[in-house]
Amino acid sequence: MTDISFFAAERKLMPEIDALFQKRFRVLQAIATFSPIGRRALGEQLQLTERDIRNETTVLSEQQLILIQKKGMICTPKGYEVIEQLYELYRELSGIVAMEQQLTNIFGIARVIIVPGDAEQDETVKQQLGKVAAQVLQQIAPAKAKIAVTGGSSVASMKEYLSDVPVLSDANFIAARGGMGDEMTFQANTIVSKFSKRCGATYRTLFLPEHLSEQAYEAMKDEPIIREMITLYEQVDIVIHGIGAAQEMALRRKSSQQEQQILDEKGAVAEAFGYYFNADGDIVHHLRTIGIQRHQVNKAQHVLAIAAGRNKAAAIQAYFKNAAPQSILITDEQTASTILKN
């Protein structure tokens, strides 16, 4: 009898085992992600009661999967091994694998990867999105890869999980767009700098406002450094990007009330690369920008999208109506479930 069929038999005898399995797996995975971490902080991360945390960590400690120390709880080598062994089983039993296949077929793209949980409620899920994306990047990157990277917190979450493995240490990370708003932490320029430092790689920045007037655009596009960036965008092997809700992105860009009204009138629900899409996936608005353009994205060998959150479900669905077939989407369980219910 396989592990899954054995587990299925247990579920018939003890239907409550699903909830217990899921809770305990999440606790162990969170400790592995954030260790060392205290019980109170762990409870806040997972939205679990102090009693739940005490009960579950006691069991995990007795099984030698974690160590409880003064500085906080840490995962043991045995604990990491159990996480690896149970991860695919959890995904299969929870229906995640089936959802991945459904969305892959619906979107007509290369692959959908779903991280268990709800990124809006659980900080560990956000970290897992970045971890999975970093693993995928390492798997798909060719030698001396040119990797275009947009901004955003989802893309930035990859940083902690990148390292100077050979396939990434000779890569060139390229800012896929200029500056947007006042927040520097999640700007493309900042992210490529951090990625390259983690990997021991090189990087190129684009220190221009993302949204240019027609006069500024015409004046800048023939500058040697801009022409060089445009040439790099034509040569990228991999594009890493997020997907935004249209109005949220308009606010981040400090778009005028008139521009926001135009987006409303045109039914814009999603944004990526400065393009706004309606619910049918049609482009209804496009910013004049020096950053990477959609035809350049579509020429890349791989397009890696990281997006999660129920508020982004409609945006993700709209964007992938006409996305590049070589795309890979990494999202969370709650977002995937929301999309499939629509």
C-alpha atoms as a PDB file:
ATOM      1  CA  MET A   1       0.000   0.000   0.000  1.00  0.00           C
ATOM      2  CA  THR A   2       1.378   3.435  -0.940  1.00  0.00           C
ATOM      3  CA  ASP A   3       1.803   6.234   1.620  1.00  0.00           C
ATOM      4  CA  ILE A   4      -1.106   8.129   0.082  1.00  0.00           C
ATOM      5  CA  SER A   5      -3.507   5.170  -0.007  1.00  0.00           C
ATOM      6  CA  PHE A   6      -2.540   4.268   3.573  1.00  0.00           C
ATOM      7  CA  PHE A   7      -3.163   7.835   4.644  1.00  0.00           C
ATOM      8  CA  ALA A   8      -6.500   7.830   2.812  1.00  0.00           C
ATOM      9  CA  ALA A   9      -7.542   4.746   4.808  1.00  0.00           C
ATOM     10  CA  GLU A  10      -6.571   6.494   8.042  1.00  0.00           C
ATOM     11  CA  ARG A  11      -8.683   9.504   7.037  1.00  0.00           C
ATOM     12  CA  LYS A  12     -11.793   7.319   6.794  1.00  0.00           C
ATOM     13  CA  LEU A  13     -11.226   6.083  10.327  1.00  0.00           C
ATOM     14  CA  MET A  14     -10.164   9.468  11.706  1.00  0.00           C
ATOM     15  CA  PRO A  15     -11.576  12.311   9.556  1.00  0.00           C
ATOM     16  CA  GLU A  16     -10.126  14.874  11.987  1.00  0.00           C
ATOM     17  CA  ILE A  17      -6.621  13.824  10.921  1.00  0.00           C
ATOM     18  CA  ASP A  18      -6.668  16.256   7.967  1.00  0.00           C
ATOM     19  CA  ALA A  19      -6.916  19.351  10.152  1.00  0.00           C
ATOM     20  CA  LEU A  20      -4.325  18.028  12.610  1.00  0.00           C
ATOM     21  CA  PHE A  21      -1.912  17.053   9.843  1.00  0.00           C
ATOM     22  CA  GLN A  22      -2.232  20.464   8.206  1.00  0.00           C
ATOM     23  CA  LYS A  23      -1.775  22.362  11.468  1.00  0.00           C
ATOM     24  CA  ARG A  24       1.266  20.383  12.573  1.00  0.00           C
ATOM     25  CA  PHE A  25       2.884  20.591   9.144  1.00  0.00           C
ATOM     26  CA  ARG A  26       2.397  24.382   9.093  1.00  0.00           C
ATOM     27  CA  VAL A  27       3.927  24.743  12.568  1.00  0.00           C
ATOM     28  CA  LEU A  28       6.983  22.673  11.650  1.00  0.00           C
ATOM     29  CA  GLN A  29       7.417  24.484   8.348  1.00  0.00           C
ATOM     30  CA  ALA A  30       7.135  27.885  10.053  1.00  0.00           C
ATOM     31  CA  ILE A  31       9.802  26.980  12.597  1.00  0.00           C
ATOM     32  CA  ALA A  32      12.058  25.822   9.764  1.00  0.00           C
ATOM     33  CA  THR A  33      11.477  29.101   7.921  1.00  0.00           C
ATOM     34  CA  PHE A  34      11.848  31.571  10.812  1.00  0.00           C
ATOM     35  CA  SER A  35      14.040  29.788  13.354  1.00  0.00           C
ATOM     36  CA  PRO A  36      15.007  30.705  15.949  1.00  0.00           C
ATOM     37  CA  ILE A  37      11.489  31.809  16.843  1.00  0.00           C
ATOM     38  CA  GLY A  38       9.556  31.997  20.116  1.00  0.00           C
ATOM     39  CA  ARG A  39       6.101  30.585  20.761  1.00  0.00           C
ATOM     40  CA  ARG A  40       4.389  33.980  20.862  1.00  0.00           C
ATOM     41  CA  ALA A  41       5.917  35.116  17.579  1.00  0.00           C
ATOM     42  CA  LEU A  42       5.072  31.762  16.001  1.00  0.00           C
ATOM     43  CA  GLY A  43       1.453  32.061  17.112  1.00  0.00           C
ATOM     44  CA  GLU A  44       1.232  35.534  15.579  1.00  0.00           C
ATOM     45  CA  GLN A  45       2.691  34.310  12.302  1.00  0.00           C
ATOM     46  CA  LEU A  46       0.274  31.383  12.033  1.00  0.00           C
ATOM     47  CA  GLN A  47      -2.754  33.002  13.681  1.00  0.00           C
ATOM     48  CA  LEU A  48      -2.902  30.140  16.198  1.00  0.00           C
ATOM     49  CA  THR A  49      -3.643  30.287  19.935  1.00  0.00           C
ATOM     50  CA  GLU A  50      -0.910  29.995  22.532  1.00  0.00           C
ATOM     51  CA  ARG A  51      -2.430  26.680  23.611  1.00  0.00           C
ATOM     52  CA  ASP A  52      -2.293  25.300  20.060  1.00  0.00           C
ATOM     53  CA  ILE A  53       1.325  26.364  19.679  1.00  0.00           C
ATOM     54  CA  ARG A  54       2.300  24.835  23.033  1.00  0.00           C
ATOM     55  CA  ASN A  55       0.588  21.538  22.245  1.00  0.00           C
ATOM     56  CA  GLU A  56       2.019  21.176  18.755  1.00  0.00           C
ATOM     57  CA  THR A  57       5.558  22.246  19.603  1.00  0.00           C
ATOM     58  CA  THR A  58       5.589  19.825  22.545  1.00  0.00           C
ATOM     59  CA  VAL A  59       4.788  16.950  20.181  1.00  0.00           C
ATOM     60  CA  LEU A  60       7.358  18.127  17.630  1.00  0.00           C
ATOM     61  CA  SER A  61       9.988  18.407  20.351  1.00  0.00           C
ATOM     62  CA  GLU A  62       9.213  14.911  21.669  1.00  0.00           C
ATOM     63  CA  GLN A  63       9.657  13.595  18.117  1.00  0.00           C
ATOM     64  CA  GLN A  64      13.033  15.397  17.924  1.00  0.00           C
ATOM     65  CA  LEU A  65      11.856  17.455  14.954  1.00  0.00           C
ATOM     66  CA  ILE A  66      12.563  20.747  16.738  1.00  0.00           C
ATOM     67  CA  LEU A  67      14.758  21.986  19.582  1.00  0.00           C
ATOM     68  CA  ILE A  68      13.318  24.416  22.136  1.00  0.00           C
ATOM     69  CA  GLN A  69      16.076  26.783  23.270  1.00  0.00           C
ATOM     70  CA  LYS A  70      16.266  30.069  25.176  1.00  0.00           C
ATOM     71  CA  LYS A  71      16.800  32.005  21.955  1.00  0.00           C
ATOM     72  CA  GLY A  72      13.777  30.322  20.374  1.00  0.00           C
ATOM     73  CA  MET A  73      12.746  27.116  18.625  1.00  0.00           C
ATOM     74  CA  ILE A  74      14.797  25.730  15.763  1.00  0.00           C
ATOM     75  CA  CYS A  75      14.216  22.912  13.307  1.00  0.00           C
ATOM     76  CA  THR A  76      16.482  19.887  13.585  1.00  0.00           C
ATOM     77  CA  PRO A  77      18.014  18.064  10.615  1.00  0.00           C
ATOM     78  CA  LYS A  78      15.401  15.358  11.208  1.00  0.00           C
ATOM     79  CA  GLY A  79      12.699  18.042  11.088  1.00  0.00           C
ATOM     80  CA  TYR A  80      13.927  19.354   7.744  1.00  0.00           C
ATOM     81  CA  GLU A  81      13.977  15.792   6.447  1.00  0.00           C
ATOM     82  CA  VAL A  82      10.354  15.235   7.535  1.00  0.00           C
ATOM     83  CA  ILE A  83       9.270  18.489   5.851  1.00  0.00           C
ATOM     84  CA  GLU A  84      10.808  17.320   2.595  1.00  0.00           C
ATOM     85  CA  GLN A  85       9.178  13.902   2.907  1.00  0.00           C
ATOM     86  CA  LEU A  86       5.717  15.233   3.752  1.00  0.00           C
ATOM     87  CA  TYR A  87       5.592  18.246   1.451  1.00  0.00           C
ATOM     88  CA  GLU A  88       4.480  16.422  -1.699  1.00  0.00           C
ATOM     89  CA  LEU A  89       2.171  14.163   0.288  1.00  0.00           C
ATOM     90  CA  TYR A  90       0.524  17.225   1.814  1.00  0.00           C
ATOM     91  CA  ARG A  91       0.126  18.846  -1.605  1.00  0.00           C
ATOM     92  CA  GLU A  92      -1.407  15.676  -3.063  1.00  0.00           C
ATOM     93  CA  LEU A  93      -3.836  15.026  -0.219  1.00  0.00           C
ATOM     94  CA  SER A  94      -4.934  18.641   0.048  1.00  0.00           C
ATOM     95  CA  GLY A  95      -5.809  18.798  -3.654  1.00  0.00           C
ATOM     96  CA  ILE A  96      -3.081  21.286  -4.526  1.00  0.00           C
ATOM     97  CA  VAL A  97      -1.566  19.108  -7.256  1.00  0.00           C
ATOM     98  CA  ALA A  98      -4.974  18.806  -8.938  1.00  0.00           C
ATOM     99  CA  MET A  99      -5.481  22.583  -8.720  1.00  0.00           C
ATOM    100  CA  GLU A 100      -2.076  23.171 -10.309  1.00  0.00           C
ATOM    101  CA  GLN A 101      -3.013  21.016 -13.278  1.00  0.00           C
ATOM    102  CA  GLN A 102      -6.403  22.715 -13.614  1.00  0.00           C
ATOM    103  CA  LEU A 103      -4.900  26.203 -13.686  1.00  0.00           C
ATOM    104  CA  THR A 104      -2.093  25.148 -16.032  1.00  0.00           C
ATOM    105  CA  ASN A 105      -4.728  23.906 -18.501  1.00  0.00           C
ATOM    106  CA  ILE A 106      -7.007  26.926 -18.064  1.00  0.00           C
ATOM    107  CA  PHE A 107      -4.194  29.445 -18.564  1.00  0.00           C
ATOM    108  CA  GLY A 108      -2.418  27.464 -21.272  1.00  0.00           C
ATOM    109  CA  ILE A 109       1.014  28.081 -19.751  1.00  0.00           C
ATOM    110  CA  ALA A 110       4.034  25.912 -18.942  1.00  0.00           C
ATOM    111  CA  ARG A 111       3.361  25.378 -15.250  1.00  0.00           C
ATOM    112  CA  VAL A 112       1.511  26.551 -12.154  1.00  0.00           C
ATOM    113  CA  ILE A 113       3.065  26.013  -8.722  1.00  0.00           C
ATOM    114  CA  ILE A 114       0.885  26.467  -5.656  1.00  0.00           C
ATOM    115  CA  VAL A 115       2.320  27.037  -2.187  1.00  0.00           C
ATOM    116  CA  PRO A 116       0.092  25.732   0.641  1.00  0.00           C
ATOM    117  CA  GLY A 117      -1.751  28.321   2.733  1.00  0.00           C
ATOM    118  CA  ASP A 118      -2.906  31.930   2.518  1.00  0.00           C
ATOM    119  CA  ALA A 119      -0.272  34.613   1.928  1.00  0.00           C
ATOM    120  CA  GLU A 120      -2.574  37.348   3.230  1.00  0.00           C
ATOM    121  CA  GLN A 121      -2.924  35.652   6.626  1.00  0.00           C
ATOM    122  CA  ASP A 122       0.352  33.793   7.052  1.00  0.00           C
ATOM    123  CA  GLU A 123       3.769  35.407   6.698  1.00  0.00           C
ATOM    124  CA  THR A 124       5.389  31.983   6.244  1.00  0.00           C
ATOM    125  CA  VAL A 125       3.459  31.529   2.989  1.00  0.00           C
ATOM    126  CA  LYS A 126       4.980  34.726   1.592  1.00  0.00           C
ATOM    127  CA  GLN A 127       8.406  33.384   2.455  1.00  0.00           C
ATOM    128  CA  GLN A 128       7.607  30.067   0.786  1.00  0.00           C
ATOM    129  CA  LEU A 129       6.623  31.881  -2.415  1.00  0.00           C
ATOM    130  CA  GLY A 130      10.084  33.413  -2.533  1.00  0.00           C
ATOM    131  CA  LYS A 131      11.771  30.132  -1.668  1.00  0.00           C
ATOM    132  CA  VAL A 132       9.966  28.207  -4.405  1.00  0.00           C
ATOM    133  CA  ALA A 133      10.628  30.960  -6.951  1.00  0.00           C
ATOM    134  CA  ALA A 134      14.352  30.898  -6.114  1.00  0.00           C
ATOM    135  CA  GLN A 135      14.428  27.116  -6.538  1.00  0.00           C
ATOM    136  CA  VAL A 136      12.664  27.348  -9.896  1.00  0.00           C
ATOM    137  CA  LEU A 137      15.051  30.060 -11.078  1.00  0.00           C
ATOM    138  CA  GLN A 138      18.020  27.873 -10.243  1.00  0.00           C
ATOM    139  CA  GLN A 139      16.443  24.996 -12.210  1.00  0.00           C
ATOM    140  CA  ILE A 140      15.644  26.967 -15.371  1.00  0.00           C
ATOM    141  CA  ALA A 141      18.547  29.408 -15.636  1.00  0.00           C
ATOM    142  CA  PRO A 142      20.950  28.753 -18.526  1.00  0.00           C
ATOM    143  CA  ALA A 143      24.642  29.559 -18.299  1.00  0.00           C
ATOM    144  CA  LYS A 144      25.387  33.308 -18.285  1.00  0.00           C
ATOM    145  CA  ALA A 145      21.675  34.069 -18.064  1.00  0.00           C
ATOM    146  CA  LYS A 146      20.328  37.560 -18.582  1.00  0.00           C
ATOM    147  CA  ILE A 147      17.508  37.886 -16.046  1.00  0.00           C
ATOM    148  CA  ALA A 148      15.128  40.857 -16.183  1.00  0.00           C
ATOM    149  CA  VAL A 149      13.482  41.620 -12.837  1.00  0.00           C
ATOM    150  CA  THR A 150      10.565  43.921 -12.015  1.00  0.00           C
ATOM    151  CA  GLY A 151       9.827  45.353  -8.579  1.00  0.00           C
ATOM    152  CA  GLY A 152       7.313  44.411  -5.905  1.00  0.00           C
ATOM    153  CA  SER A 153       7.288  42.604  -2.577  1.00  0.00           C
ATOM    154  CA  SER A 154       6.508  39.198  -4.105  1.00  0.00           C
ATOM    155  CA  VAL A 155       9.590  39.317  -6.339  1.00  0.00           C
ATOM    156  CA  ALA A 156      11.717  40.740  -3.525  1.00  0.00           C
ATOM    157  CA  SER A 157      10.810  37.743  -1.320  1.00  0.00           C
ATOM    158  CA  MET A 158      13.208  35.607  -3.393  1.00  0.00           C
ATOM    159  CA  LYS A 159      16.297  37.357  -2.053  1.00  0.00           C
ATOM    160  CA  GLU A 160      16.849  35.302   1.118  1.00  0.00           C
ATOM    161  CA  TYR A 161      16.785  32.058  -0.862  1.00  0.00           C
ATOM    162  CA  LEU A 162      19.238  32.949  -3.602  1.00  0.00           C
ATOM    163  CA  SER A 163      22.876  31.910  -3.329  1.00  0.00           C
ATOM    164  CA  ASP A 164      26.080  31.911  -5.354  1.00  0.00           C
ATOM    165  CA  VAL A 165      25.509  28.578  -7.055  1.00  0.00           C
ATOM    166  CA  PRO A 166      27.447  28.369 -10.354  1.00  0.00           C
ATOM    167  CA  VAL A 167      24.386  28.761 -12.591  1.00  0.00           C
ATOM    168  CA  LEU A 168      23.488  32.088 -10.935  1.00  0.00           C
ATOM    169  CA  SER A 169      26.926  33.463 -10.075  1.00  0.00           C
ATOM    170  CA  ASP A 170      27.600  34.191 -13.753  1.00  0.00           C
ATOM    171  CA  ALA A 171      24.141  35.676 -14.368  1.00  0.00           C
ATOM    172  CA  ASN A 172      23.352  39.304 -15.138  1.00  0.00           C
ATOM    173  CA  PHE A 173      20.314  40.682 -13.268  1.00  0.00           C
ATOM    174  CA  ILE A 174      18.699  43.556 -15.156  1.00  0.00           C
ATOM    175  CA  ALA A 175      16.184  46.067 -13.788  1.00  0.00           C
ATOM    176  CA  ALA A 176      13.118  45.619 -16.002  1.00  0.00           C
ATOM    177  CA  ARG A 177      11.718  49.063 -15.240  1.00  0.00           C
ATOM    178  CA  GLY A 178      12.650  52.398 -13.739  1.00  0.00           C
ATOM    179  CA  GLY A 179      11.602  53.957 -10.454  1.00  0.00           C
ATOM    180  CA  MET A 180       7.972  53.987  -9.328  1.00  0.00           C
ATOM    181  CA  GLY A 181       6.682  56.055  -6.407  1.00  0.00           C
ATOM    182  CA  ASP A 182       8.795  56.861  -3.337  1.00  0.00           C
ATOM    183  CA  GLU A 183       9.272  53.408  -1.778  1.00  0.00           C
ATOM    184  CA  MET A 184      12.787  52.223  -2.652  1.00  0.00           C
ATOM    185  CA  THR A 185      12.770  48.805  -0.930  1.00  0.00           C
ATOM    186  CA  PHE A 186      10.759  47.065  -3.637  1.00  0.00           C
ATOM    187  CA  GLN A 187      12.045  49.000  -6.655  1.00  0.00           C
ATOM    188  CA  ALA A 188      13.515  46.937  -9.499  1.00  0.00           C
ATOM    189  CA  ASN A 189      16.874  48.720  -9.148  1.00  0.00           C
ATOM    190  CA  THR A 190      17.105  47.837  -5.460  1.00  0.00           C
ATOM    191  CA  ILE A 191      16.049  44.240  -6.016  1.00  0.00           C
ATOM    192  CA  VAL A 192      18.552  43.467  -8.797  1.00  0.00           C
ATOM    193  CA  SER A 193      21.314  44.925  -6.623  1.00  0.00           C
ATOM    194  CA  LYS A 194      20.352  42.634  -3.728  1.00  0.00           C
ATOM    195  CA  PHE A 195      19.895  39.586  -5.967  1.00  0.00           C
ATOM    196  CA  SER A 196      23.304  40.047  -7.535  1.00  0.00           C
ATOM    197  CA  LYS A 197      24.958  40.443  -4.134  1.00  0.00           C
ATOM    198  CA  ARG A 198      23.419  37.182  -2.921  1.00  0.00           C
ATOM    199  CA  CYS A 199      24.527  35.338  -6.059  1.00  0.00           C
ATOM    200  CA  GLY A 200      27.893  36.990  -6.622  1.00  0.00           C
ATOM    201  CA  ALA A 201      26.541  38.035 -10.024  1.00  0.00           C
ATOM    202  CA  THR A 202      26.487  41.268 -12.036  1.00  0.00           C
ATOM    203  CA  TYR A 203      23.560  43.659 -12.442  1.00  0.00           C
ATOM    204  CA  ARG A 204      22.318  46.612 -14.463  1.00  0.00           C
ATOM    205  CA  THR A 205      20.049  49.355 -13.185  1.00  0.00           C
ATOM    206  CA  LEU A 206      17.686  51.792 -14.886  1.00  0.00           C
ATOM    207  CA  PHE A 207      17.623  55.055 -12.939  1.00  0.00           C
ATOM    208  CA  LEU A 208      14.745  56.725 -14.711  1.00  0.00           C
ATOM    209  CA  PRO A 209      11.152  57.423 -13.690  1.00  0.00           C
ATOM    210  CA  GLU A 210       9.020  54.576 -14.993  1.00  0.00           C
ATOM    211  CA  HIS A 211       6.299  56.854 -16.370  1.00  0.00           C
ATOM    212  CA  LEU A 212       7.636  59.423 -18.855  1.00  0.00           C
ATOM    213  CA  SER A 213       5.932  62.227 -20.713  1.00  0.00           C
ATOM    214  CA  GLU A 214       6.003  62.045 -24.517  1.00  0.00           C
ATOM    215  CA  GLN A 215       8.640  64.782 -24.661  1.00  0.00           C
ATOM    216  CA  ALA A 216      10.849  63.083 -22.063  1.00  0.00           C
ATOM    217  CA  TYR A 217      10.454  59.718 -23.747  1.00  0.00           C
ATOM    218  CA  GLU A 218      11.486  61.062 -27.159  1.00  0.00           C
ATOM    219  CA  ALA A 219      14.443  62.889 -25.603  1.00  0.00           C
ATOM    220  CA  MET A 220      15.702  59.845 -23.680  1.00  0.00           C
ATOM    221  CA  LYS A 221      15.140  56.887 -25.990  1.00  0.00           C
ATOM    222  CA  ASP A 222      18.151  57.621 -28.206  1.00  0.00           C
ATOM    223  CA  GLU A 223      20.600  58.138 -25.343  1.00  0.00           C
ATOM    224  CA  PRO A 224      23.444  55.548 -25.564  1.00  0.00           C
ATOM    225  CA  ILE A 225      22.782  54.069 -22.106  1.00  0.00           C
ATOM    226  CA  ILE A 226      19.057  53.750 -22.866  1.00  0.00           C
ATOM    227  CA  ARG A 227      19.726  52.103 -26.221  1.00  0.00           C
ATOM    228  CA  GLU A 228      22.045  49.684 -24.421  1.00  0.00           C
ATOM    229  CA  MET A 229      19.279  48.780 -21.946  1.00  0.00           C
ATOM    230  CA  ILE A 230      16.789  48.265 -24.778  1.00  0.00           C
ATOM    231  CA  THR A 231      19.287  45.915 -26.443  1.00  0.00           C
ATOM    232  CA  LEU A 232      19.627  43.973 -23.182  1.00  0.00           C
ATOM    233  CA  TYR A 233      15.840  43.630 -22.951  1.00  0.00           C
ATOM    234  CA  GLU A 234      15.866  42.074 -26.423  1.00  0.00           C
ATOM    235  CA  GLN A 235      18.350  39.455 -25.201  1.00  0.00           C
ATOM    236  CA  VAL A 236      16.886  38.405 -21.822  1.00  0.00           C
ATOM    237  CA  ASP A 237      16.601  34.683 -21.117  1.00  0.00           C
ATOM    238  CA  ILE A 238      14.309  34.944 -18.084  1.00  0.00           C
ATOM    239  CA  VAL A 239      11.812  37.552 -16.909  1.00  0.00           C
ATOM    240  CA  ILE A 240      10.753  37.596 -13.243  1.00  0.00           C
ATOM    241  CA  HIS A 241       7.714  39.729 -12.456  1.00  0.00           C
ATOM    242  CA  GLY A 242       4.712  40.337 -10.257  1.00  0.00           C
ATOM    243  CA  ILE A 243       1.116  41.066 -11.209  1.00  0.00           C
ATOM    244  CA  GLY A 244      -0.770  43.977  -9.686  1.00  0.00           C
ATOM    245  CA  ALA A 245      -4.395  44.975  -9.246  1.00  0.00           C
ATOM    246  CA  ALA A 246      -4.970  47.880 -11.644  1.00  0.00           C
ATOM    247  CA  GLN A 247      -6.194  50.538  -9.217  1.00  0.00           C
ATOM    248  CA  GLU A 248      -3.649  49.595  -6.568  1.00  0.00           C
ATOM    249  CA  MET A 249      -0.834  50.017  -9.100  1.00  0.00           C
ATOM    250  CA  ALA A 250      -2.285  53.329 -10.294  1.00  0.00           C
ATOM    251  CA  LEU A 251      -2.189  54.617  -6.717  1.00  0.00           C
ATOM    252  CA  ARG A 252       1.393  53.406  -6.228  1.00  0.00           C
ATOM    253  CA  ARG A 253       2.347  55.271  -9.381  1.00  0.00           C
ATOM    254  CA  LYS A 254       0.536  58.336  -8.065  1.00  0.00           C
ATOM    255  CA  SER A 255      -1.548  58.471 -11.224  1.00  0.00           C
ATOM    256  CA  SER A 256      -3.870  61.438 -11.569  1.00  0.00           C
ATOM    257  CA  GLN A 257      -7.572  61.190 -10.813  1.00  0.00           C
ATOM    258  CA  GLN A 258      -8.187  61.516 -14.546  1.00  0.00           C
ATOM    259  CA  GLU A 259      -5.919  58.519 -15.307  1.00  0.00           C
ATOM    260  CA  GLN A 260      -7.587  56.449 -12.590  1.00  0.00           C
ATOM    261  CA  GLN A 261     -10.986  57.332 -14.020  1.00  0.00           C
ATOM    262  CA  ILE A 262      -9.849  56.247 -17.496  1.00  0.00           C
ATOM    263  CA  LEU A 263      -8.727  52.891 -16.073  1.00  0.00           C
ATOM    264  CA  ASP A 264     -12.133  52.481 -14.411  1.00  0.00           C
ATOM    265  CA  GLU A 265     -14.004  53.341 -17.594  1.00  0.00           C
ATOM    266  CA  LYS A 266     -11.919  50.855 -19.585  1.00  0.00           C
ATOM    267  CA  GLY A 267     -12.474  48.100 -17.027  1.00  0.00           C
ATOM    268  CA  ALA A 268      -8.794  47.664 -16.115  1.00  0.00           C
ATOM    269  CA  VAL A 269      -8.288  44.987 -13.458  1.00  0.00           C
ATOM    270  CA  ALA A 270      -4.630  43.952 -13.839  1.00  0.00           C
ATOM    271  CA  GLU A 271      -1.216  45.502 -14.452  1.00  0.00           C
ATOM    272  CA  ALA A 272       2.174  44.122 -15.460  1.00  0.00           C
ATOM    273  CA  PHE A 273       5.148  45.801 -17.196  1.00  0.00           C
ATOM    274  CA  GLY A 274       3.222  49.083 -17.439  1.00  0.00           C
ATOM    275  CA  TYR A 275       0.354  47.434 -19.356  1.00  0.00           C
ATOM    276  CA  TYR A 276      -3.180  47.467 -17.958  1.00  0.00           C
ATOM    277  CA  PHE A 277      -5.529  44.582 -18.803  1.00  0.00           C
ATOM    278  CA  ASN A 278      -9.294  44.194 -18.602  1.00  0.00           C
ATOM    279  CA  ALA A 279     -11.056  41.038 -17.386  1.00  0.00           C
ATOM    280  CA  ASP A 280     -10.779  39.504 -20.878  1.00  0.00           C
ATOM    281  CA  GLY A 281      -7.000  39.942 -20.878  1.00  0.00           C
ATOM    282  CA  ASP A 282      -7.053  42.741 -23.458  1.00  0.00           C
ATOM    283  CA  ILE A 283      -4.605  45.629 -23.103  1.00  0.00           C
ATOM    284  CA  VAL A 284      -6.686  48.745 -22.380  1.00  0.00           C
ATOM    285  CA  HIS A 285      -3.913  51.145 -21.370  1.00  0.00           C
ATOM    286  CA  HIS A 286      -0.124  51.298 -21.712  1.00  0.00           C
ATOM    287  CA  LEU A 287       2.316  53.596 -19.958  1.00  0.00           C
ATOM    288  CA  ARG A 288       5.024  55.259 -21.983  1.00  0.00           C
ATOM    289  CA  THR A 289       8.102  53.706 -20.386  1.00  0.00           C
ATOM    290  CA  ILE A 290      11.730  52.830 -21.143  1.00  0.00           C
ATOM    291  CA  GLY A 291      11.401  49.533 -19.251  1.00  0.00           C
ATOM    292  CA  ILE A 292      10.964  46.088 -20.784  1.00  0.00           C
ATOM    293  CA  GLN A 293       8.103  45.845 -23.281  1.00  0.00           C
ATOM    294  CA  ARG A 294       5.609  43.023 -23.703  1.00  0.00           C
ATOM    295  CA  HIS A 295       7.030  41.787 -27.011  1.00  0.00           C
ATOM    296  CA  GLN A 296      10.435  41.488 -25.327  1.00  0.00           C
ATOM    297  CA  VAL A 297       8.900  39.549 -22.430  1.00  0.00           C
ATOM    298  CA  ASN A 298       7.261  37.165 -24.893  1.00  0.00           C
ATOM    299  CA  LYS A 299      10.653  36.434 -26.534  1.00  0.00           C
ATOM    300  CA  ALA A 300      12.278  35.233 -23.282  1.00  0.00           C
ATOM    301  CA  GLN A 301      12.872  31.499 -22.764  1.00  0.00           C
ATOM    302  CA  HIS A 302      11.065  31.576 -19.417  1.00  0.00           C
ATOM    303  CA  VAL A 303       8.685  34.043 -17.773  1.00  0.00           C
ATOM    304  CA  LEU A 304       8.361  33.573 -14.021  1.00  0.00           C
ATOM    305  CA  ALA A 305       5.367  35.298 -12.382  1.00  0.00           C
ATOM    306  CA  ILE A 306       5.010  35.490  -8.586  1.00  0.00           C
ATOM    307  CA  ALA A 307       1.639  36.741  -7.385  1.00  0.00           C
ATOM    308  CA  ALA A 308      -0.623  35.863  -4.468  1.00  0.00           C
ATOM    309  CA  GLY A 309      -3.489  37.297  -2.469  1.00  0.00           C
ATOM    310  CA  ARG A 310      -7.246  37.074  -2.897  1.00  0.00           C
ATOM    311  CA  ASN A 311      -7.281  40.748  -3.847  1.00  0.00           C
ATOM    312  CA  LYS A 312      -5.084  39.814  -6.827  1.00  0.00           C
ATOM    313  CA  ALA A 313      -7.105  36.807  -7.977  1.00  0.00           C
ATOM    314  CA  ALA A 314      -9.028  38.766 -10.635  1.00  0.00           C
ATOM    315  CA  ALA A 315      -5.808  40.433 -11.799  1.00  0.00           C
ATOM    316  CA  ILE A 316      -3.977  37.111 -12.150  1.00  0.00           C
ATOM    317  CA  GLN A 317      -6.903  35.604 -14.013  1.00  0.00           C
ATOM    318  CA  ALA A 318      -7.072  38.560 -16.412  1.00  0.00           C
ATOM    319  CA  TYR A 319      -3.326  38.708 -17.083  1.00  0.00           C
ATOM    320  CA  PHE A 320      -3.076  35.005 -17.916  1.00  0.00           C
ATOM    321  CA  LYS A 321      -5.872  35.175 -20.483  1.00  0.00           C
ATOM    322  CA  ASN A 322      -3.185  36.162 -23.018  1.00  0.00           C
ATOM    323  CA  ALA A 323       0.125  35.488 -21.264  1.00  0.00           C
ATOM    324  CA  ALA A 324       3.230  34.006 -22.892  1.00  0.00           C
ATOM    325  CA  PRO A 325       2.862  30.188 -23.071  1.00  0.00           C
ATOM    326  CA  GLN A 326       6.328  29.725 -21.567  1.00  0.00           C
ATOM    327  CA  SER A 327       5.122  31.352 -18.325  1.00  0.00           C
ATOM    328  CA  ILE A 328       5.359  29.779 -14.875  1.00  0.00           C
ATOM    329  CA  LEU A 329       2.989  31.089 -12.193  1.00  0.00           C
ATOM    330  CA  ILE A 330       3.812  30.751  -8.495  1.00  0.00           C
ATOM    331  CA  THR A 331       0.883  31.552  -6.210  1.00  0.00           C
ATOM    332  CA  ASP A 332      -0.685  30.415  -2.955  1.00  0.00           C
ATOM    333  CA  GLU A 333      -3.442  27.918  -2.199  1.00  0.00           C
ATOM    334  CA  GLN A 334      -6.090  30.485  -1.214  1.00  0.00           C
ATOM    335  CA  THR A 335      -5.564  32.574  -4.356  1.00  0.00           C
ATOM    336  CA  ALA A 336      -5.691  29.506  -6.589  1.00  0.00           C
ATOM    337  CA  SER A 337      -8.897  28.387  -4.931  1.00  0.00           C
ATOM    338  CA  THR A 338     -10.438  31.834  -5.406  1.00  0.00           C
ATOM    339  CA  ILE A 339      -9.565  31.855  -9.116  1.00  0.00           C
ATOM    340  CA  LEU A 340     -11.042  28.402  -9.673  1.00  0.00           C
ATOM    341  CA  LYS A 341     -14.287  29.415  -7.983  1.00  0.00           C
ATOM    342  CA  ASN A 342     -14.751  32.395 -10.335  1.00  0.00           C
END
